[in-house]
Amino acid sequence: MCRYVCFLVPDHVEDSEDERKHRAASFKKKANSASAKFRNSMNKRGRRKSSKVMSVAIEDVRDAEEMQAVDAFRQTLILEELLPARHDDYHMMLRFLKARKFDNEKSKQMWSDMLQWRKEFGADTIMEDFEFDEHGEVLEHYPQGHHGVDKDGRPIYIERLGLVDANKMMQVTNMDRYVKYHVREFERTFAVKFPACSIAAKRHIDQSTTIMDVQGVGCKHFNKVAREMIGRIQKIDGDNYPETLCRMFIVNAGQGFRLLWNTVKSFLDPKTTAKINVLGNKYQSKLLEIIDASELPEFLGGTCNCEGGCLRSDKGPWKDPEIFKMVQNGIGCCGKQQLSIAVEEKMISEDEVVYPKVFGYLL
């Protein structure tokens, strides 16, 4: 197990003429060099390098075998011209490998399909391009949102499914717009919320804890509209944002919900269901084992009572102005290099390997 403390190198540092000439060398030499550096970094555990930016150190624990797998997967993607610079991210590649049990070929296909989907859906620019003005009205019929962090620093996402009225929600929006909103929020989580949580926790964060309150849920909640919405969202999440759930708690699960659980599970990936804990109405002590009471809304047994409602507050480290400023400066992303928009759009090719400008203390 390798333990990194990541610091970011400012993106205005210019490469030397020798370095530019080195990049012009053959891809084979560069790939071999990258592999050698990767192996050496795992062997030289006492060696340390750093370049501090705003003095923020973020612990990033990496498994040696996983590092080798990511290195090999990255080279495969470069050879196949499937690695846009914006997605040249260690942790992103690792998530896709885990989703396909480290089968390089299956992971490559999943990655390729993801890139095609992002292009067709417009995911790369959806945060700038898409406005969801009906958000407040949607929350009236589908109470949901991030609220606080667990004891490990992961963001907490909460839904009150017993209060959902999918038919009424479709009167203030439509299915396509809601799905776009869902994708936009996922993109925002990766761009802002996970990095903010990483800064606050001083450790790499790229997964969340989810709480589903199903008090009052029955057959009426799983009508045609609800089933379509669940199906579309689960497919998008599973295909394009794998391995982002750390754990889920389904609370207030009564007899009616438990009868429906087998149907609900059919929409979910088996790996996802393994992370789910279904609890009755005596769940508070279980939640408080992993979440401080101040981070839990009162309706879930916590002490928080945000003005205007906890699920409308978007409470979390990302609301801290200083942390948000750091995120805007690119701090909080241990596995990803900081790139200009022009570079982000480039595809890393055999003629130009862009090495991540992120270094770490290997402890």
Foldseek 3Di string as FASTA:
>chain_A
DWKWWWAFDAPVDDDDPVVVVVLQDFLVVVLVVVLVVLVVLQVCLQDFDYDHDVNFIAMEDDDSVLSNLLSVLVSVCQAVLLFQQLRQFSVQLSLLCVLVVSPSVNSVVLSNVLVVCCVVLVLVCLLPVDDDVCVVVLCQQKQWAWFEAWPQLAIEIETALLRHDLVVSCVSPHLVNVLSVVSSVVSCCVLFVQLLSRRVNSYHAQAHEYEYEDANDAPNSCDPRNVVSLLVNQVCCSSHVGPRYQAYEYEQCDPRNVVCVVVVCVSHDPVHVVRYDYYHHPCLVVRCVTHPLCRDDVVSPGDHDDVVGRSVPNDYSSVDVVSVVVSVSVGRRQGHADDDPVSSRDRNHSSGDDDGSMGTNTD
